[in-house]
PDB file of N, CA and C in Angstrom:
ATOM      1  N   UNK A   1     123.591 116.843 100.373  1.00  0.00           N
ATOM      2  CA  UNK A   1     123.246 116.813 102.012  1.00  0.00           C
ATOM      3  C   UNK A   1     122.562 115.065 101.134  1.00  0.00           C
ATOM      4  N   UNK A   2     121.799 113.907 102.005  1.00  0.00           N
ATOM      5  CA  UNK A   2     121.010 113.135 101.765  1.00  0.00           C
ATOM      6  C   UNK A   2     119.653 113.275 102.092  1.00  0.00           C
ATOM      7  N   UNK A   3     118.961 112.663 101.756  1.00  0.00           N
ATOM      8  CA  UNK A   3     117.523 112.994 101.917  1.00  0.00           C
ATOM      9  C   UNK A   3     117.142 111.684 102.056  1.00  0.00           C
ATOM     10  N   UNK A   4     116.707 111.405 103.765  1.00  0.00           N
ATOM     11  CA  UNK A   4     116.708 110.667 104.401  1.00  0.00           C
ATOM     12  C   UNK A   4     114.618 110.609 104.703  1.00  0.00           C
ATOM     13  N   UNK A   5     113.986 109.500 104.174  1.00  0.00           N
ATOM     14  CA  UNK A   5     112.520 108.964 104.737  1.00  0.00           C
ATOM     15  C   UNK A   5     112.320 108.038 105.681  1.00  0.00           C
ATOM     16  N   UNK A   6     111.782 109.084 106.934  1.00  0.00           N
ATOM     17  CA  UNK A   6     111.270 108.161 108.007  1.00  0.00           C
ATOM     18  C   UNK A   6     110.500 107.206 107.324  1.00  0.00           C
ATOM     19  N   UNK A   7     110.101 105.485 107.889  1.00  0.00           N
ATOM     20  CA  UNK A   7     109.069 104.683 107.953  1.00  0.00           C
ATOM     21  C   UNK A   7     109.333 104.108 108.985  1.00  0.00           C
ATOM     22  N   UNK A   8     109.216 103.945 109.516  1.00  0.00           N
ATOM     23  CA  UNK A   8     108.703 103.478 111.313  1.00  0.00           C
ATOM     24  C   UNK A   8     109.564 103.928 111.785  1.00  0.00           C
ATOM     25  N   UNK A   9     110.804 102.146 112.418  1.00  0.00           N
ATOM     26  CA  UNK A   9     111.910 102.873 113.030  1.00  0.00           C
ATOM     27  C   UNK A   9     113.157 102.698 111.613  1.00  0.00           C
ATOM     28  N   UNK A  10     113.245 102.921 111.137  1.00  0.00           N
ATOM     29  CA  UNK A  10     114.111 103.581 109.663  1.00  0.00           C
ATOM     30  C   UNK A  10     114.452 104.190 108.742  1.00  0.00           C
ATOM     31  N   UNK A  11     115.403 104.496 108.446  1.00  0.00           N
ATOM     32  CA  UNK A  11     115.544 105.649 107.471  1.00  0.00           C
ATOM     33  C   UNK A  11     115.763 105.416 107.136  1.00  0.00           C
ATOM     34  N   UNK A  12     115.378 106.007 105.696  1.00  0.00           N
ATOM     35  CA  UNK A  12     115.768 105.247 104.028  1.00  0.00           C
ATOM     36  C   UNK A  12     116.275 106.472 103.363  1.00  0.00           C
ATOM     37  N   UNK A  13     117.214 106.295 103.000  1.00  0.00           N
ATOM     38  CA  UNK A  13     118.159 107.090 101.936  1.00  0.00           C
ATOM     39  C   UNK A  13     117.902 107.110 100.609  1.00  0.00           C
ATOM     40  N   UNK A  14     116.748 107.757 100.562  1.00  0.00           N
ATOM     41  CA  UNK A  14     116.086 107.786  98.764  1.00  0.00           C
ATOM     42  C   UNK A  14     117.597 108.062  97.961  1.00  0.00           C
ATOM     43  N   UNK A  15     118.508 109.023  97.729  1.00  0.00           N
ATOM     44  CA  UNK A  15     119.217 109.504  97.052  1.00  0.00           C
ATOM     45  C   UNK A  15     120.335 107.974  97.005  1.00  0.00           C
ATOM     46  N   UNK A  16     120.953 107.373  97.923  1.00  0.00           N
ATOM     47  CA  UNK A  16     121.115 106.172  97.244  1.00  0.00           C
ATOM     48  C   UNK A  16     120.468 104.827  97.111  1.00  0.00           C
ATOM     49  N   UNK A  17     120.428 104.557  95.860  1.00  0.00           N
ATOM     50  CA  UNK A  17     119.780 103.448  95.413  1.00  0.00           C
ATOM     51  C   UNK A  17     121.325 102.077  95.248  1.00  0.00           C
ATOM     52  N   UNK A  18     120.529 100.618  96.041  1.00  0.00           N
ATOM     53  CA  UNK A  18     121.617  99.629  95.974  1.00  0.00           C
ATOM     54  C   UNK A  18     121.115  98.915  94.637  1.00  0.00           C
ATOM     55  N   UNK A  19     120.008  98.782  94.184  1.00  0.00           N
ATOM     56  CA  UNK A  19     119.950  98.151  93.164  1.00  0.00           C
ATOM     57  C   UNK A  19     118.871  98.080  92.862  1.00  0.00           C
ATOM     58  N   UNK A  20     118.069  97.100  91.400  1.00  0.00           N
ATOM     59  CA  UNK A  20     116.366  97.612  91.553  1.00  0.00           C
ATOM     60  C   UNK A  20     116.973  96.277  90.648  1.00  0.00           C
ATOM     61  N   UNK A  21     115.055  96.123  90.605  1.00  0.00           N
ATOM     62  CA  UNK A  21     114.494  94.844  89.855  1.00  0.00           C
ATOM     63  C   UNK A  21     112.968  94.536  89.363  1.00  0.00           C
ATOM     64  N   UNK A  22     112.829  93.727  89.662  1.00  0.00           N
ATOM     65  CA  UNK A  22     111.048  93.497  88.724  1.00  0.00           C
ATOM     66  C   UNK A  22     110.178  94.403  90.196  1.00  0.00           C
ATOM     67  N   UNK A  23     110.666  94.046  91.194  1.00  0.00           N
ATOM     68  CA  UNK A  23     109.850  94.373  92.538  1.00  0.00           C
ATOM     69  C   UNK A  23     109.597  95.468  92.471  1.00  0.00           C
ATOM     70  N   UNK A  24     110.751  96.148  92.852  1.00  0.00           N
ATOM     71  CA  UNK A  24     110.858  97.820  93.011  1.00  0.00           C
ATOM     72  C   UNK A  24     112.656  97.745  92.859  1.00  0.00           C
ATOM     73  N   UNK A  25     112.884  98.745  94.083  1.00  0.00           N
ATOM     74  CA  UNK A  25     113.588  99.437  93.995  1.00  0.00           C
ATOM     75  C   UNK A  25     114.344  99.998  95.130  1.00  0.00           C
ATOM     76  N   UNK A  26     116.204  98.728  95.481  1.00  0.00           N
ATOM     77  CA  UNK A  26     116.522  98.946  97.119  1.00  0.00           C
ATOM     78  C   UNK A  26     117.389  99.577  97.259  1.00  0.00           C
ATOM     79  N   UNK A  27     116.958 100.080  98.419  1.00  0.00           N
ATOM     80  CA  UNK A  27     118.006 101.652  99.046  1.00  0.00           C
ATOM     81  C   UNK A  27     118.254 101.832 100.312  1.00  0.00           C
ATOM     82  N   UNK A  28     119.482 102.445 100.045  1.00  0.00           N
ATOM     83  CA  UNK A  28     120.371 102.385 101.535  1.00  0.00           C
ATOM     84  C   UNK A  28     119.580 102.783 102.472  1.00  0.00           C
ATOM     85  N   UNK A  29     119.789 101.696 104.036  1.00  0.00           N
ATOM     86  CA  UNK A  29     118.658 102.606 105.037  1.00  0.00           C
ATOM     87  C   UNK A  29     119.533 102.563 106.463  1.00  0.00           C
ATOM     88  N   UNK A  30     118.974 102.844 107.139  1.00  0.00           N
ATOM     89  CA  UNK A  30     119.621 102.093 108.831  1.00  0.00           C
ATOM     90  C   UNK A  30     118.081 102.242 109.237  1.00  0.00           C
ATOM     91  N   UNK A  31     118.215 101.688 110.469  1.00  0.00           N
ATOM     92  CA  UNK A  31     117.412 100.737 111.937  1.00  0.00           C
ATOM     93  C   UNK A  31     117.450 102.102 112.990  1.00  0.00           C
ATOM     94  N   UNK A  32     116.745 103.237 112.892  1.00  0.00           N
ATOM     95  CA  UNK A  32     117.650 104.269 114.120  1.00  0.00           C
ATOM     96  C   UNK A  32     116.660 103.489 115.633  1.00  0.00           C
ATOM     97  N   UNK A  33     116.492 102.384 115.594  1.00  0.00           N
ATOM     98  CA  UNK A  33     115.985 102.143 117.135  1.00  0.00           C
ATOM     99  C   UNK A  33     117.436 101.287 117.385  1.00  0.00           C
ATOM    100  N   UNK A  34     118.653 100.818 116.522  1.00  0.00           N
ATOM    101  CA  UNK A  34     119.993 100.599 117.578  1.00  0.00           C
ATOM    102  C   UNK A  34     120.632 102.320 117.404  1.00  0.00           C
ATOM    103  N   UNK A  35     121.282 102.144 118.844  1.00  0.00           N
ATOM    104  CA  UNK A  35     121.688 102.864 119.252  1.00  0.00           C
ATOM    105  C   UNK A  35     123.920 103.003 119.247  1.00  0.00           C
ATOM    106  N   UNK A  36     124.402 102.777 118.102  1.00  0.00           N
ATOM    107  CA  UNK A  36     124.526 103.575 116.544  1.00  0.00           C
ATOM    108  C   UNK A  36     123.541 102.870 116.019  1.00  0.00           C
ATOM    109  N   UNK A  37     122.838 103.702 114.938  1.00  0.00           N
ATOM    110  CA  UNK A  37     121.635 103.280 114.226  1.00  0.00           C
ATOM    111  C   UNK A  37     123.085 102.249 113.185  1.00  0.00           C
ATOM    112  N   UNK A  38     121.422 101.279 112.825  1.00  0.00           N
ATOM    113  CA  UNK A  38     122.037 100.069 112.218  1.00  0.00           C
ATOM    114  C   UNK A  38     121.866  99.940 110.863  1.00  0.00           C
ATOM    115  N   UNK A  39     123.175  99.781 109.911  1.00  0.00           N
ATOM    116  CA  UNK A  39     122.817  99.905 108.267  1.00  0.00           C
ATOM    117  C   UNK A  39     122.360  98.374 108.040  1.00  0.00           C
ATOM    118  N   UNK A  40     121.281  98.966 106.914  1.00  0.00           N
ATOM    119  CA  UNK A  40     120.452  98.083 106.424  1.00  0.00           C
ATOM    120  C   UNK A  40     120.002  98.141 104.575  1.00  0.00           C
ATOM    121  N   UNK A  41     119.246  97.708 104.482  1.00  0.00           N
ATOM    122  CA  UNK A  41     118.720  97.328 103.196  1.00  0.00           C
ATOM    123  C   UNK A  41     117.090  97.669 102.899  1.00  0.00           C
ATOM    124  N   UNK A  42     116.729  98.868 102.179  1.00  0.00           N
ATOM    125  CA  UNK A  42     115.088  99.247 102.397  1.00  0.00           C
ATOM    126  C   UNK A  42     114.603  98.712 101.134  1.00  0.00           C
ATOM    127  N   UNK A  43     113.817  97.738 100.579  1.00  0.00           N
ATOM    128  CA  UNK A  43     112.877  97.485  99.417  1.00  0.00           C
ATOM    129  C   UNK A  43     111.659  97.912  99.322  1.00  0.00           C
ATOM    130  N   UNK A  44     111.794  98.688  97.958  1.00  0.00           N
ATOM    131  CA  UNK A  44     110.196  99.351  98.489  1.00  0.00           C
ATOM    132  C   UNK A  44     109.548  99.231  96.981  1.00  0.00           C
ATOM    133  N   UNK A  45     108.622  98.185  96.846  1.00  0.00           N
ATOM    134  CA  UNK A  45     107.660  98.119  95.940  1.00  0.00           C
ATOM    135  C   UNK A  45     106.431  98.616  95.850  1.00  0.00           C
ATOM    136  N   UNK A  46     105.975  98.761  95.177  1.00  0.00           N
ATOM    137  CA  UNK A  46     104.594  99.486  94.165  1.00  0.00           C
ATOM    138  C   UNK A  46     103.550  98.133  94.510  1.00  0.00           C
ATOM    139  N   UNK A  47     102.072  98.949  94.964  1.00  0.00           N
ATOM    140  CA  UNK A  47     101.699  98.108  95.428  1.00  0.00           C
ATOM    141  C   UNK A  47     100.108  98.886  94.832  1.00  0.00           C
ATOM    142  N   UNK A  48     100.538  98.473  93.123  1.00  0.00           N
ATOM    143  CA  UNK A  48      99.184  99.560  92.384  1.00  0.00           C
ATOM    144  C   UNK A  48      98.185  98.063  92.092  1.00  0.00           C
ATOM    145  N   UNK A  49      98.006  96.581  92.036  1.00  0.00           N
ATOM    146  CA  UNK A  49      97.109  96.382  92.120  1.00  0.00           C
ATOM    147  C   UNK A  49      96.349  94.829  92.571  1.00  0.00           C
ATOM    148  N   UNK A  50      95.983  93.993  92.981  1.00  0.00           N
ATOM    149  CA  UNK A  50      95.431  93.223  93.792  1.00  0.00           C
ATOM    150  C   UNK A  50      96.530  92.209  93.629  1.00  0.00           C
ATOM    151  N   UNK A  51      97.339  91.519  92.562  1.00  0.00           N
ATOM    152  CA  UNK A  51      98.407  91.026  91.368  1.00  0.00           C
ATOM    153  C   UNK A  51      99.580  91.325  92.211  1.00  0.00           C
ATOM    154  N   UNK A  52      99.872  92.342  92.422  1.00  0.00           N
ATOM    155  CA  UNK A  52     101.196  93.569  92.746  1.00  0.00           C
ATOM    156  C   UNK A  52     101.052  92.815  94.729  1.00  0.00           C
ATOM    157  N   UNK A  53     100.254  93.270  94.728  1.00  0.00           N
ATOM    158  CA  UNK A  53      99.858  93.487  96.401  1.00  0.00           C
ATOM    159  C   UNK A  53     100.302  91.535  97.280  1.00  0.00           C
ATOM    160  N   UNK A  54      99.407  90.758  96.328  1.00  0.00           N
ATOM    161  CA  UNK A  54      99.512  88.943  96.341  1.00  0.00           C
ATOM    162  C   UNK A  54     101.010  89.225  96.396  1.00  0.00           C
ATOM    163  N   UNK A  55     101.636  89.416  95.379  1.00  0.00           N
ATOM    164  CA  UNK A  55     103.651  88.904  94.652  1.00  0.00           C
ATOM    165  C   UNK A  55     104.096  88.998  95.750  1.00  0.00           C
ATOM    166  N   UNK A  56     104.216  90.866  96.278  1.00  0.00           N
ATOM    167  CA  UNK A  56     104.322  90.903  97.872  1.00  0.00           C
ATOM    168  C   UNK A  56     104.429  90.541  98.400  1.00  0.00           C
ATOM    169  N   UNK A  57     102.779  90.571  99.353  1.00  0.00           N
ATOM    170  CA  UNK A  57     102.638  89.081 100.202  1.00  0.00           C
ATOM    171  C   UNK A  57     103.596  88.415 100.438  1.00  0.00           C
ATOM    172  N   UNK A  58     103.636  87.435  99.243  1.00  0.00           N
ATOM    173  CA  UNK A  58     104.088  85.724  99.253  1.00  0.00           C
ATOM    174  C   UNK A  58     105.503  86.403  99.604  1.00  0.00           C
ATOM    175  N   UNK A  59     106.158  87.211  98.577  1.00  0.00           N
ATOM    176  CA  UNK A  59     107.745  87.320  98.894  1.00  0.00           C
ATOM    177  C   UNK A  59     107.603  88.315 100.177  1.00  0.00           C
ATOM    178  N   UNK A  60     107.121  88.345 101.064  1.00  0.00           N
ATOM    179  CA  UNK A  60     107.495  88.574 102.378  1.00  0.00           C
ATOM    180  C   UNK A  60     107.325  86.560 103.711  1.00  0.00           C
ATOM    181  N   UNK A  61     106.715  86.623 102.900  1.00  0.00           N
ATOM    182  CA  UNK A  61     106.073  85.093 103.648  1.00  0.00           C
ATOM    183  C   UNK A  61     106.851  84.001 103.307  1.00  0.00           C
ATOM    184  N   UNK A  62     107.592  84.295 102.237  1.00  0.00           N
ATOM    185  CA  UNK A  62     109.246  83.654 101.773  1.00  0.00           C
ATOM    186  C   UNK A  62     110.051  83.641 102.910  1.00  0.00           C
ATOM    187  N   UNK A  63     110.278  84.975 102.571  1.00  0.00           N
ATOM    188  CA  UNK A  63     111.174  85.485 103.633  1.00  0.00           C
ATOM    189  C   UNK A  63     111.464  85.313 105.529  1.00  0.00           C
ATOM    190  N   UNK A  64     109.351  85.559 105.150  1.00  0.00           N
ATOM    191  CA  UNK A  64     109.929  84.981 107.120  1.00  0.00           C
ATOM    192  C   UNK A  64     109.959  83.467 107.005  1.00  0.00           C
ATOM    193  N   UNK A  65     109.454  82.744 106.470  1.00  0.00           N
ATOM    194  CA  UNK A  65     110.154  81.356 106.219  1.00  0.00           C
ATOM    195  C   UNK A  65     111.080  80.427 106.373  1.00  0.00           C
ATOM    196  N   UNK A  66     111.722  81.732 105.470  1.00  0.00           N
ATOM    197  CA  UNK A  66     113.669  80.915 104.782  1.00  0.00           C
ATOM    198  C   UNK A  66     114.492  81.455 106.862  1.00  0.00           C
ATOM    199  N   UNK A  67     113.723  82.510 106.817  1.00  0.00           N
ATOM    200  CA  UNK A  67     114.545  83.852 107.623  1.00  0.00           C
ATOM    201  C   UNK A  67     115.465  82.634 108.956  1.00  0.00           C
ATOM    202  N   UNK A  68     116.597  83.270 109.264  1.00  0.00           N
ATOM    203  CA  UNK A  68     117.428  82.481 110.295  1.00  0.00           C
ATOM    204  C   UNK A  68     118.489  81.382 109.652  1.00  0.00           C
ATOM    205  N   UNK A  69     118.181  81.004 108.245  1.00  0.00           N
ATOM    206  CA  UNK A  69     119.020  80.396 107.350  1.00  0.00           C
ATOM    207  C   UNK A  69     120.861  81.226 107.206  1.00  0.00           C
ATOM    208  N   UNK A  70     121.729  80.843 107.707  1.00  0.00           N
ATOM    209  CA  UNK A  70     123.242  81.176 107.540  1.00  0.00           C
ATOM    210  C   UNK A  70     123.027  81.758 106.027  1.00  0.00           C
ATOM    211  N   UNK A  71     122.907  81.617 105.118  1.00  0.00           N
ATOM    212  CA  UNK A  71     123.479  81.635 103.896  1.00  0.00           C
ATOM    213  C   UNK A  71     122.099  82.856 103.518  1.00  0.00           C
ATOM    214  N   UNK A  72     121.476  83.274 103.753  1.00  0.00           N
ATOM    215  CA  UNK A  72     119.902  84.173 103.032  1.00  0.00           C
ATOM    216  C   UNK A  72     119.934  85.564 103.965  1.00  0.00           C
ATOM    217  N   UNK A  73     119.759  86.424 103.776  1.00  0.00           N
ATOM    218  CA  UNK A  73     119.943  87.581 103.880  1.00  0.00           C
ATOM    219  C   UNK A  73     118.658  86.927 104.981  1.00  0.00           C
ATOM    220  N   UNK A  74     118.803  87.983 105.820  1.00  0.00           N
ATOM    221  CA  UNK A  74     118.073  88.151 107.470  1.00  0.00           C
ATOM    222  C   UNK A  74     116.672  89.079 106.614  1.00  0.00           C
ATOM    223  N   UNK A  75     115.156  88.501 107.106  1.00  0.00           N
ATOM    224  CA  UNK A  75     114.327  89.723 107.068  1.00  0.00           C
ATOM    225  C   UNK A  75     114.518  90.262 108.243  1.00  0.00           C
ATOM    226  N   UNK A  76     114.426  91.646 108.251  1.00  0.00           N
ATOM    227  CA  UNK A  76     114.277  92.649 109.433  1.00  0.00           C
ATOM    228  C   UNK A  76     112.314  93.320 110.067  1.00  0.00           C
ATOM    229  N   UNK A  77     112.149  93.819 108.713  1.00  0.00           N
ATOM    230  CA  UNK A  77     110.506  94.091 109.172  1.00  0.00           C
ATOM    231  C   UNK A  77     110.416  94.563 107.644  1.00  0.00           C
ATOM    232  N   UNK A  78     108.585  93.937 107.915  1.00  0.00           N
ATOM    233  CA  UNK A  78     107.739  94.833 106.673  1.00  0.00           C
ATOM    234  C   UNK A  78     106.493  95.732 106.838  1.00  0.00           C
ATOM    235  N   UNK A  79     106.730  96.615 106.085  1.00  0.00           N
ATOM    236  CA  UNK A  79     105.122  97.876 106.451  1.00  0.00           C
ATOM    237  C   UNK A  79     104.811  98.690 105.740  1.00  0.00           C
ATOM    238  N   UNK A  80     103.656  99.172 105.401  1.00  0.00           N
ATOM    239  CA  UNK A  80     102.725  99.487 104.553  1.00  0.00           C
ATOM    240  C   UNK A  80     103.184 101.235 104.878  1.00  0.00           C
ATOM    241  N   UNK A  81     103.442 102.469 103.733  1.00  0.00           N
ATOM    242  CA  UNK A  81     102.643 103.315 103.501  1.00  0.00           C
ATOM    243  C   UNK A  81     101.605 104.056 103.365  1.00  0.00           C
ATOM    244  N   UNK A  82     101.384 104.525 103.919  1.00  0.00           N
ATOM    245  CA  UNK A  82      99.502 105.281 103.300  1.00  0.00           C
ATOM    246  C   UNK A  82      99.667 104.857 102.072  1.00  0.00           C
ATOM    247  N   UNK A  83      97.990 104.370 102.408  1.00  0.00           N
ATOM    248  CA  UNK A  83      97.218 103.980 101.117  1.00  0.00           C
ATOM    249  C   UNK A  83      97.095 105.042  99.821  1.00  0.00           C
ATOM    250  N   UNK A  84      97.474 106.079  99.993  1.00  0.00           N
ATOM    251  CA  UNK A  84      97.590 107.124  99.182  1.00  0.00           C
ATOM    252  C   UNK A  84      98.692 106.866  97.826  1.00  0.00           C
ATOM    253  N   UNK A  85      99.808 105.737  98.950  1.00  0.00           N
ATOM    254  CA  UNK A  85     101.620 106.680  98.115  1.00  0.00           C
ATOM    255  C   UNK A  85     101.239 105.356  97.447  1.00  0.00           C
ATOM    256  N   UNK A  86     100.889 104.029  98.509  1.00  0.00           N
ATOM    257  CA  UNK A  86     101.094 102.973  97.803  1.00  0.00           C
ATOM    258  C   UNK A  86     102.245 102.228  97.154  1.00  0.00           C
ATOM    259  N   UNK A  87     103.064 101.983  98.674  1.00  0.00           N
ATOM    260  CA  UNK A  87     104.454 101.713  98.203  1.00  0.00           C
ATOM    261  C   UNK A  87     104.440 100.775  99.283  1.00  0.00           C
ATOM    262  N   UNK A  88     105.322  99.626  99.532  1.00  0.00           N
ATOM    263  CA  UNK A  88     105.511  98.349 100.554  1.00  0.00           C
ATOM    264  C   UNK A  88     107.080  98.851 100.571  1.00  0.00           C
ATOM    265  N   UNK A  89     107.162  98.620 101.828  1.00  0.00           N
ATOM    266  CA  UNK A  89     108.623  98.592 102.376  1.00  0.00           C
ATOM    267  C   UNK A  89     109.081  97.296 102.582  1.00  0.00           C
ATOM    268  N   UNK A  90     110.123  96.655 102.275  1.00  0.00           N
ATOM    269  CA  UNK A  90     111.119  95.465 103.495  1.00  0.00           C
ATOM    270  C   UNK A  90     112.624  95.853 103.875  1.00  0.00           C
ATOM    271  N   UNK A  91     112.394  95.375 104.138  1.00  0.00           N
ATOM    272  CA  UNK A  91     113.595  96.011 105.835  1.00  0.00           C
ATOM    273  C   UNK A  91     114.315  94.776 105.529  1.00  0.00           C
ATOM    274  N   UNK A  92     115.571  94.700 105.468  1.00  0.00           N
ATOM    275  CA  UNK A  92     116.462  93.271 104.975  1.00  0.00           C
ATOM    276  C   UNK A  92     118.279  93.963 105.525  1.00  0.00           C
ATOM    277  N   UNK A  93     118.704  92.588 106.431  1.00  0.00           N
ATOM    278  CA  UNK A  93     119.864  92.716 106.628  1.00  0.00           C
ATOM    279  C   UNK A  93     120.428  93.669 105.320  1.00  0.00           C
ATOM    280  N   UNK A  94     122.193  94.118 105.580  1.00  0.00           N
ATOM    281  CA  UNK A  94     122.426  94.728 104.778  1.00  0.00           C
ATOM    282  C   UNK A  94     123.758  93.699 104.381  1.00  0.00           C
ATOM    283  N   UNK A  95     123.436  92.995 102.885  1.00  0.00           N
ATOM    284  CA  UNK A  95     124.835  92.594 102.160  1.00  0.00           C
ATOM    285  C   UNK A  95     125.687  93.456 101.695  1.00  0.00           C
ATOM    286  N   UNK A  96     126.595  93.074 102.404  1.00  0.00           N
ATOM    287  CA  UNK A  96     128.345  92.980 102.015  1.00  0.00           C
ATOM    288  C   UNK A  96     129.070  92.552 101.039  1.00  0.00           C
ATOM    289  N   UNK A  97     130.398  93.282 100.057  1.00  0.00           N
ATOM    290  CA  UNK A  97     130.843  91.796 100.073  1.00  0.00           C
ATOM    291  C   UNK A  97     130.458  91.891  98.164  1.00  0.00           C
ATOM    292  N   UNK A  98     130.855  90.871  97.506  1.00  0.00           N
ATOM    293  CA  UNK A  98     130.573  90.616  96.152  1.00  0.00           C
ATOM    294  C   UNK A  98     129.345  90.174  95.904  1.00  0.00           C
ATOM    295  N   UNK A  99     128.872  90.528  94.451  1.00  0.00           N
ATOM    296  CA  UNK A  99     127.546  90.187  93.879  1.00  0.00           C
ATOM    297  C   UNK A  99     127.086  88.871  93.675  1.00  0.00           C
ATOM    298  N   UNK A 100     126.119  88.313  93.922  1.00  0.00           N
ATOM    299  CA  UNK A 100     126.333  86.816  93.431  1.00  0.00           C
ATOM    300  C   UNK A 100     126.414  86.593  92.067  1.00  0.00           C
ATOM    301  N   UNK A 101     125.794  87.587  91.791  1.00  0.00           N
ATOM    302  CA  UNK A 101     126.605  86.815  89.474  1.00  0.00           C
ATOM    303  C   UNK A 101     127.507  87.257  89.470  1.00  0.00           C
ATOM    304  N   UNK A 102     128.736  87.964  90.732  1.00  0.00           N
ATOM    305  CA  UNK A 102     129.735  88.536  89.464  1.00  0.00           C
ATOM    306  C   UNK A 102     131.091  87.389  90.402  1.00  0.00           C
ATOM    307  N   UNK A 103     129.976  86.371  91.382  1.00  0.00           N
ATOM    308  CA  UNK A 103     131.259  85.430  91.785  1.00  0.00           C
ATOM    309  C   UNK A 103     130.572  84.165  91.189  1.00  0.00           C
ATOM    310  N   UNK A 104     129.513  83.884  90.793  1.00  0.00           N
ATOM    311  CA  UNK A 104     129.324  82.776  89.549  1.00  0.00           C
ATOM    312  C   UNK A 104     129.812  82.952  88.032  1.00  0.00           C
ATOM    313  N   UNK A 105     130.105  84.280  87.565  1.00  0.00           N
ATOM    314  CA  UNK A 105     131.198  84.755  86.060  1.00  0.00           C
ATOM    315  C   UNK A 105     131.812  84.201  86.728  1.00  0.00           C
ATOM    316  N   UNK A 106     132.780  84.645  87.656  1.00  0.00           N
ATOM    317  CA  UNK A 106     133.892  83.909  87.574  1.00  0.00           C
ATOM    318  C   UNK A 106     134.710  82.841  88.412  1.00  0.00           C
ATOM    319  N   UNK A 107     133.225  82.147  88.306  1.00  0.00           N
ATOM    320  CA  UNK A 107     133.199  80.491  88.726  1.00  0.00           C
ATOM    321  C   UNK A 107     134.773  80.037  89.948  1.00  0.00           C
ATOM    322  N   UNK A 108     134.106  81.145  91.192  1.00  0.00           N
ATOM    323  CA  UNK A 108     134.880  80.710  91.880  1.00  0.00           C
ATOM    324  C   UNK A 108     133.569  80.008  93.210  1.00  0.00           C
ATOM    325  N   UNK A 109     132.657  80.292  92.517  1.00  0.00           N
ATOM    326  CA  UNK A 109     130.593  78.953  93.291  1.00  0.00           C
ATOM    327  C   UNK A 109     131.522  77.868  93.384  1.00  0.00           C
ATOM    328  N   UNK A 110     131.912  77.085  94.560  1.00  0.00           N
ATOM    329  CA  UNK A 110     132.147  76.187  94.876  1.00  0.00           C
ATOM    330  C   UNK A 110     130.506  74.916  95.519  1.00  0.00           C
ATOM    331  N   UNK A 111     130.178  74.260  95.236  1.00  0.00           N
ATOM    332  CA  UNK A 111     129.251  73.145  95.947  1.00  0.00           C
ATOM    333  C   UNK A 111     129.633  73.480  97.758  1.00  0.00           C
ATOM    334  N   UNK A 112     130.481  73.559  98.197  1.00  0.00           N
ATOM    335  CA  UNK A 112     130.044  73.634  99.183  1.00  0.00           C
ATOM    336  C   UNK A 112     130.422  75.219  99.824  1.00  0.00           C
ATOM    337  N   UNK A 113     130.710  76.146  98.649  1.00  0.00           N
ATOM    338  CA  UNK A 113     130.648  76.779  99.325  1.00  0.00           C
ATOM    339  C   UNK A 113     128.779  77.582  99.545  1.00  0.00           C
ATOM    340  N   UNK A 114     128.445  77.000  98.097  1.00  0.00           N
ATOM    341  CA  UNK A 114     126.694  77.660  97.847  1.00  0.00           C
ATOM    342  C   UNK A 114     125.892  76.552  99.039  1.00  0.00           C
TER     343      UNK A 114
END
């Protein structure tokens, strides 16, 4: 049975990681404010230092700035967990299809596509 964690209007499936990177781990999630719940991605980042917090805030500001562009994943919501946990959550549109690096290596990317 999946282990869902409630974060605001979202349920994050901590048992279903989609990917990870330098900032944190991305999990499968759903926005339960919709009926039926809408699938999305939840990026969990650790706010361990002032530098990390500033990096997260900068990333969120950039996502908001480019929001609405047709080829950029849609930013949905940002929320910090209670301070004792030191986590920040960024909720994004769930990308489907092939991974970007897979397309690049297959040489199927064209200027028109990008």
